[in-house]
Amino acid sequence: MVIYEVNAAVDEDVAPAYEAWLHGHIRQMLAFDGFVRASVFTPDSGAPGRRHFTVHYHVSDRTHLDDYLRRHAAAMRADGINRFGDRFATDRRILSEIAAFE
């Protein structure tokens, strides 16, 4: 399992529209091969005047994530940029599972 993490800092005045868009965006992401589920979090801290969202996409393996990054990521990212311009910023990281405990 791989976690594809996306962190977004969104201007407060567009945050409600961004959050509504984000839910549809996540549903589109889950249609890609290997994307199993997603969780949305709001961190306890962040820059004033902005709302922060963290999304963890659970991807079955690195091969599926690499395929998404190569073939689909640019278009998916462009959709948010076209809608919200410079009113948000994102950063991403990939977390590879090395152990799991229940």
C-alpha atoms as a PDB file:
ATOM      1  CA  MET A   1       0.000   0.000   0.000  1.00  0.00           C
ATOM      2  CA  VAL A   2       1.129   3.518  -0.840  1.00  0.00           C
ATOM      3  CA  ILE A   3      -0.290   6.762   0.515  1.00  0.00           C
ATOM      4  CA  TYR A   4      -0.349   9.654  -1.927  1.00  0.00           C
ATOM      5  CA  GLU A   5      -0.708  12.703   0.307  1.00  0.00           C
ATOM      6  CA  VAL A   6      -1.891  16.070  -0.983  1.00  0.00           C
ATOM      7  CA  ASN A   7      -1.796  19.104   1.312  1.00  0.00           C
ATOM      8  CA  ALA A   8      -3.715  22.223   0.295  1.00  0.00           C
ATOM      9  CA  ALA A   9      -3.713  25.697   1.838  1.00  0.00           C
ATOM     10  CA  VAL A  10      -6.755  27.587   0.560  1.00  0.00           C
ATOM     11  CA  ASP A  11      -7.745  31.243   0.975  1.00  0.00           C
ATOM     12  CA  GLU A  12     -10.575  31.420   3.538  1.00  0.00           C
ATOM     13  CA  ASP A  13     -13.033  33.153   1.221  1.00  0.00           C
ATOM     14  CA  VAL A  14     -12.897  30.395  -1.407  1.00  0.00           C
ATOM     15  CA  ALA A  15     -12.504  27.496   1.054  1.00  0.00           C
ATOM     16  CA  PRO A  16     -16.195  26.431   0.994  1.00  0.00           C
ATOM     17  CA  ALA A  17     -16.197  26.265  -2.817  1.00  0.00           C
ATOM     18  CA  TYR A  18     -12.831  24.504  -2.804  1.00  0.00           C
ATOM     19  CA  GLU A  19     -14.055  21.906  -0.308  1.00  0.00           C
ATOM     20  CA  ALA A  20     -17.165  21.206  -2.407  1.00  0.00           C
ATOM     21  CA  TRP A  21     -14.985  20.860  -5.519  1.00  0.00           C
ATOM     22  CA  LEU A  22     -12.523  18.659  -3.604  1.00  0.00           C
ATOM     23  CA  HIS A  23     -15.167  16.053  -2.814  1.00  0.00           C
ATOM     24  CA  GLY A  24     -15.975  15.621  -6.512  1.00  0.00           C
ATOM     25  CA  HIS A  25     -12.260  15.629  -7.360  1.00  0.00           C
ATOM     26  CA  ILE A  26     -11.668  12.811  -4.889  1.00  0.00           C
ATOM     27  CA  ARG A  27     -14.464  10.751  -6.467  1.00  0.00           C
ATOM     28  CA  GLN A  28     -12.736  11.204  -9.850  1.00  0.00           C
ATOM     29  CA  MET A  29      -9.415  10.128  -8.343  1.00  0.00           C
ATOM     30  CA  LEU A  30     -10.960   6.975  -6.929  1.00  0.00           C
ATOM     31  CA  ALA A  31     -11.956   5.945 -10.455  1.00  0.00           C
ATOM     32  CA  PHE A  32      -8.290   5.492 -11.412  1.00  0.00           C
ATOM     33  CA  ASP A  33      -6.894   1.959 -11.303  1.00  0.00           C
ATOM     34  CA  GLY A  34      -5.328   1.119  -7.962  1.00  0.00           C
ATOM     35  CA  PHE A  35      -6.883   3.994  -5.999  1.00  0.00           C
ATOM     36  CA  VAL A  36      -8.661   2.168  -3.198  1.00  0.00           C
ATOM     37  CA  ARG A  37      -9.946   4.876  -0.846  1.00  0.00           C
ATOM     38  CA  ALA A  38      -9.313   8.405   0.356  1.00  0.00           C
ATOM     39  CA  SER A  39      -9.492  10.263   3.649  1.00  0.00           C
ATOM     40  CA  VAL A  40      -9.683  14.029   4.133  1.00  0.00           C
ATOM     41  CA  PHE A  41      -8.208  15.705   7.199  1.00  0.00           C
ATOM     42  CA  THR A  42      -7.938  19.235   8.508  1.00  0.00           C
ATOM     43  CA  PRO A  43      -4.748  19.825  10.492  1.00  0.00           C
ATOM     44  CA  ASP A  44      -4.820  21.552  13.892  1.00  0.00           C
ATOM     45  CA  SER A  45      -2.438  24.272  12.729  1.00  0.00           C
ATOM     46  CA  GLY A  46      -1.814  26.243   9.567  1.00  0.00           C
ATOM     47  CA  ALA A  47      -1.225  29.683   8.149  1.00  0.00           C
ATOM     48  CA  PRO A  48      -3.718  32.333   9.305  1.00  0.00           C
ATOM     49  CA  GLY A  49      -6.269  33.382   6.679  1.00  0.00           C
ATOM     50  CA  ARG A  50      -6.175  29.998   4.998  1.00  0.00           C
ATOM     51  CA  ARG A  51      -7.966  26.685   5.493  1.00  0.00           C
ATOM     52  CA  HIS A  52      -5.871  23.577   5.239  1.00  0.00           C
ATOM     53  CA  PHE A  53      -6.867  20.195   3.879  1.00  0.00           C
ATOM     54  CA  THR A  54      -4.842  16.996   3.777  1.00  0.00           C
ATOM     55  CA  VAL A  55      -5.995  14.142   1.565  1.00  0.00           C
ATOM     56  CA  HIS A  56      -4.592  10.633   1.858  1.00  0.00           C
ATOM     57  CA  TYR A  57      -5.218   8.533  -1.218  1.00  0.00           C
ATOM     58  CA  HIS A  58      -4.669   4.844  -0.494  1.00  0.00           C
ATOM     59  CA  VAL A  59      -3.183   3.300  -3.630  1.00  0.00           C
ATOM     60  CA  SER A  60      -2.693  -0.442  -3.980  1.00  0.00           C
ATOM     61  CA  ASP A  61       0.908  -0.184  -5.188  1.00  0.00           C
ATOM     62  CA  ARG A  62       3.540   2.154  -6.588  1.00  0.00           C
ATOM     63  CA  THR A  63       2.973   0.952 -10.162  1.00  0.00           C
ATOM     64  CA  HIS A  64      -0.609   2.273 -10.123  1.00  0.00           C
ATOM     65  CA  LEU A  65       0.486   5.558  -8.571  1.00  0.00           C
ATOM     66  CA  ASP A  66       3.274   6.003 -11.131  1.00  0.00           C
ATOM     67  CA  ASP A  67       0.763   5.360 -13.921  1.00  0.00           C
ATOM     68  CA  TYR A  68      -1.537   8.029 -12.507  1.00  0.00           C
ATOM     69  CA  LEU A  69       1.325  10.516 -12.146  1.00  0.00           C
ATOM     70  CA  ARG A  70       2.510   9.886 -15.703  1.00  0.00           C
ATOM     71  CA  ARG A  71      -0.854   9.829 -17.485  1.00  0.00           C
ATOM     72  CA  HIS A  72      -3.424  11.782 -15.471  1.00  0.00           C
ATOM     73  CA  ALA A  73      -1.909  14.040 -12.810  1.00  0.00           C
ATOM     74  CA  ALA A  74      -1.345  17.089 -15.029  1.00  0.00           C
ATOM     75  CA  ALA A  75      -5.003  17.230 -16.114  1.00  0.00           C
ATOM     76  CA  MET A  76      -6.331  16.612 -12.613  1.00  0.00           C
ATOM     77  CA  ARG A  77      -4.137  19.361 -11.178  1.00  0.00           C
ATOM     78  CA  ALA A  78      -5.061  21.767 -13.991  1.00  0.00           C
ATOM     79  CA  ASP A  79      -8.739  21.489 -13.071  1.00  0.00           C
ATOM     80  CA  GLY A  80      -8.109  22.972  -9.618  1.00  0.00           C
ATOM     81  CA  ILE A  81      -5.824  25.669 -11.016  1.00  0.00           C
ATOM     82  CA  ASN A  82      -8.405  26.640 -13.648  1.00  0.00           C
ATOM     83  CA  ARG A  83     -11.098  26.979 -10.990  1.00  0.00           C
ATOM     84  CA  PHE A  84      -9.159  28.596  -8.139  1.00  0.00           C
ATOM     85  CA  GLY A  85      -6.038  30.113  -9.720  1.00  0.00           C
ATOM     86  CA  ASP A  86      -3.576  31.356  -7.130  1.00  0.00           C
ATOM     87  CA  ARG A  87      -6.124  31.177  -4.286  1.00  0.00           C
ATOM     88  CA  PHE A  88      -4.606  27.900  -3.089  1.00  0.00           C
ATOM     89  CA  ALA A  89      -1.266  26.123  -2.913  1.00  0.00           C
ATOM     90  CA  THR A  90      -0.539  22.424  -2.702  1.00  0.00           C
ATOM     91  CA  ASP A  91       2.321  20.140  -1.885  1.00  0.00           C
ATOM     92  CA  ARG A  92       2.465  16.406  -2.221  1.00  0.00           C
ATOM     93  CA  ARG A  93       4.381  13.470  -0.860  1.00  0.00           C
ATOM     94  CA  ILE A  94       4.376   9.714  -1.269  1.00  0.00           C
ATOM     95  CA  LEU A  95       4.433   7.456   1.773  1.00  0.00           C
ATOM     96  CA  SER A  96       5.406   3.820   1.310  1.00  0.00           C
ATOM     97  CA  GLU A  97       4.137   1.466   3.976  1.00  0.00           C
ATOM     98  CA  ILE A  98       6.858  -0.539   5.696  1.00  0.00           C
ATOM     99  CA  ALA A  99       4.791  -1.969   8.563  1.00  0.00           C
ATOM    100  CA  ALA A 100       1.150  -2.080   9.681  1.00  0.00           C
ATOM    101  CA  PHE A 101      -0.285  -2.840  13.104  1.00  0.00           C
ATOM    102  CA  GLU A 102      -3.846  -3.545  14.209  1.00  0.00           C
END
